[in-house]
Amino acid sequence: MKPSHPRLPRNEIAISIKAVTIILATIAIYFQDLTTVANEAIRSELMSHIIAIPFLLTYLIYRKRKMLRATIPFETTNPTQKPTYTHEIVGALLCLTAFLLYWHGSYTFTPLEYHMISLPIFTAGLILPHLTYLTLFALSILIDFKNILKKT
């Protein structure tokens, strides 16, 4: 007898856990800033388009899902090679840069702007150790989507 629900392969479960971890870590650190921006978007007609950004990002990720699946590493290609930790080092440096920018912005007259600028840097720093440069490149437009909309 067949099971009633399809089973996900271990690779897809691992990728799902990594994605949820990245999203939860970002929301946990930037929660106060995100709620401030959301409250401002609800109160002001000028910023009301910000409410649509999460839905647009979800749609764009859905549209790029095949390209993302092609760039996500599922297994190590050559286990006999000595591992290099460039992804982890660059990711940690990006997170450190985002933290320093966030910290510096906290002591200025416009902290929210500095915090929102550090958000894509922090997100890129979290994505890089878990995935590859190709995945980060595929997601780069989505990560910086907020700044693209801000300039228009």
Protein backbone atom coordinates (compact mmCIF):
# COMPACT_ATOMS: atom_id res chain seq x y z
CA MET A 1 0.00 0.00 0.00
CA LYS A 2 1.35 3.45 -0.97
CA PRO A 3 1.68 6.17 1.64
CA SER A 4 -0.96 8.86 1.32
CA HIS A 5 1.52 11.74 1.36
CA PRO A 6 4.62 12.14 -0.82
CA ARG A 7 7.93 12.07 0.99
CA LEU A 8 10.45 14.81 0.39
CA PRO A 9 14.03 13.80 -0.28
CA ARG A 10 16.58 14.70 2.38
CA ASN A 11 18.12 17.36 0.13
CA GLU A 12 14.86 19.26 -0.22
CA ILE A 13 14.24 19.07 3.52
CA ALA A 14 17.74 20.43 4.20
CA ILE A 15 17.27 23.30 1.73
CA SER A 16 13.88 24.10 3.28
CA ILE A 17 15.38 24.19 6.77
CA LYS A 18 18.17 26.48 5.55
CA ALA A 19 15.67 28.84 3.88
CA VAL A 20 13.47 28.99 6.99
CA THR A 21 16.54 29.61 9.17
CA ILE A 22 17.65 32.52 6.97
CA ILE A 23 14.16 34.06 6.98
CA LEU A 24 13.67 33.65 10.73
CA ALA A 25 17.11 35.05 11.57
CA THR A 26 16.51 38.08 9.38
CA ILE A 27 13.07 38.72 10.86
CA ALA A 28 14.34 38.24 14.42
CA ILE A 29 17.13 40.79 14.04
CA TYR A 30 15.25 43.36 11.96
CA PHE A 31 11.79 42.90 13.53
CA GLN A 32 11.58 46.34 15.13
CA ASP A 33 12.69 48.08 11.93
CA LEU A 34 10.33 46.05 9.76
CA THR A 35 7.38 46.85 12.02
CA THR A 36 8.30 50.54 11.93
CA VAL A 37 8.36 50.49 8.13
CA ALA A 38 5.08 48.54 8.00
CA ASN A 39 3.38 50.98 10.37
CA GLU A 40 4.60 53.92 8.32
CA ALA A 41 3.35 52.23 5.14
CA ILE A 42 -0.09 51.72 6.67
CA ARG A 43 -0.33 55.33 7.86
CA SER A 44 1.06 57.10 4.79
CA GLU A 45 -0.33 56.97 1.27
CA LEU A 46 3.07 57.91 -0.04
CA MET A 47 4.60 54.68 1.30
CA SER A 48 1.61 52.37 0.85
CA HIS A 49 3.33 50.50 -2.01
CA ILE A 50 5.71 48.95 0.55
CA ILE A 51 2.92 46.62 1.68
CA ALA A 52 3.08 44.87 -1.72
CA ILE A 53 6.82 44.14 -1.55
CA PRO A 54 6.61 40.78 0.30
CA PHE A 55 4.02 39.54 -2.19
CA LEU A 56 6.13 40.70 -5.14
CA LEU A 57 9.23 39.02 -3.70
CA THR A 58 7.32 35.77 -3.21
CA TYR A 59 6.11 35.93 -6.81
CA LEU A 60 9.62 36.64 -8.14
CA ILE A 61 11.09 33.75 -6.17
CA TYR A 62 8.34 31.53 -7.56
CA ARG A 63 9.21 32.67 -11.09
CA LYS A 64 12.93 31.98 -10.54
CA ARG A 65 12.42 28.64 -8.81
CA LYS A 66 13.90 26.55 -11.66
CA MET A 67 17.00 28.71 -11.85
CA LEU A 68 17.39 28.54 -8.07
CA ARG A 69 17.07 24.76 -8.07
CA ALA A 70 19.78 24.58 -10.73
CA THR A 71 22.21 26.66 -8.65
CA ILE A 72 21.61 25.12 -5.22
CA PRO A 73 24.28 22.52 -4.38
CA PHE A 74 22.80 19.25 -3.21
CA GLU A 75 25.97 17.25 -2.71
CA THR A 76 29.67 17.92 -2.66
CA THR A 77 31.12 17.36 -6.10
CA ASN A 78 34.60 16.24 -5.11
CA PRO A 79 34.84 14.96 -1.52
CA THR A 80 38.54 14.08 -1.89
CA GLN A 81 39.55 17.74 -2.22
CA LYS A 82 40.51 19.69 0.85
CA PRO A 83 37.52 21.89 1.72
CA THR A 84 37.87 25.63 1.34
CA TYR A 85 35.85 27.89 3.54
CA THR A 86 35.61 30.94 1.29
CA HIS A 87 31.80 30.90 1.34
CA GLU A 88 31.76 30.92 5.12
CA ILE A 89 34.45 33.60 5.42
CA VAL A 90 32.83 35.94 2.90
CA GLY A 91 29.41 35.33 4.48
CA ALA A 92 30.76 36.12 7.93
CA LEU A 93 32.43 39.29 6.61
CA LEU A 94 29.15 40.38 5.00
CA CYS A 95 27.27 39.76 8.25
CA LEU A 96 29.95 41.66 10.19
CA THR A 97 29.72 44.57 7.72
CA ALA A 98 25.94 44.61 8.09
CA PHE A 99 26.25 44.52 11.88
CA LEU A 100 28.72 47.41 11.91
CA LEU A 101 26.50 49.43 9.59
CA TYR A 102 23.46 48.63 11.76
CA TRP A 103 25.37 49.57 14.91
CA HIS A 104 26.69 52.80 13.40
CA GLY A 105 23.23 53.70 12.15
CA SER A 106 21.80 53.26 15.64
CA TYR A 107 23.80 56.31 16.77
CA THR A 108 22.74 58.63 13.95
CA PHE A 109 19.69 60.84 13.46
CA THR A 110 18.27 58.49 10.78
CA PRO A 111 18.83 54.98 12.15
CA LEU A 112 16.05 53.36 10.12
CA GLU A 113 17.75 54.22 6.84
CA TYR A 114 21.02 52.66 7.96
CA HIS A 115 19.21 49.60 9.27
CA MET A 116 17.34 49.10 5.99
CA ILE A 117 20.56 49.51 4.01
CA SER A 118 22.22 46.83 6.15
CA LEU A 119 19.32 44.39 5.62
CA PRO A 120 20.31 43.16 2.09
CA ILE A 121 23.97 42.91 3.16
CA PHE A 122 22.99 40.79 6.17
CA THR A 123 20.70 38.61 4.05
CA ALA A 124 23.48 38.02 1.52
CA GLY A 125 25.82 37.14 4.36
CA LEU A 126 23.36 34.54 5.62
CA ILE A 127 22.70 33.05 2.19
CA LEU A 128 26.32 32.65 1.16
CA PRO A 129 27.55 30.09 3.75
CA HIS A 130 24.53 27.86 3.18
CA LEU A 131 24.41 28.04 -0.60
CA THR A 132 26.84 29.08 -3.36
CA TYR A 133 27.92 32.22 -5.15
CA LEU A 134 25.70 31.24 -8.08
CA THR A 135 22.63 31.08 -5.84
CA LEU A 136 23.54 34.42 -4.30
CA PHE A 137 23.90 35.89 -7.79
CA ALA A 138 20.51 34.46 -8.82
CA LEU A 139 18.94 36.00 -5.72
CA SER A 140 20.84 39.30 -5.90
CA ILE A 141 18.06 41.16 -7.69
CA LEU A 142 15.54 39.87 -5.17
CA ILE A 143 17.74 40.75 -2.21
CA ASP A 144 18.16 44.32 -3.41
CA PHE A 145 14.56 44.63 -4.65
CA LYS A 146 13.75 47.09 -1.88
CA ASN A 147 16.48 49.50 -2.98
CA ILE A 148 15.42 49.23 -6.61
CA LEU A 149 11.87 50.26 -5.70
CA LYS A 150 13.14 53.05 -3.49
CA LYS A 151 15.00 54.68 -6.39
CA THR A 152 11.95 54.79 -8.67
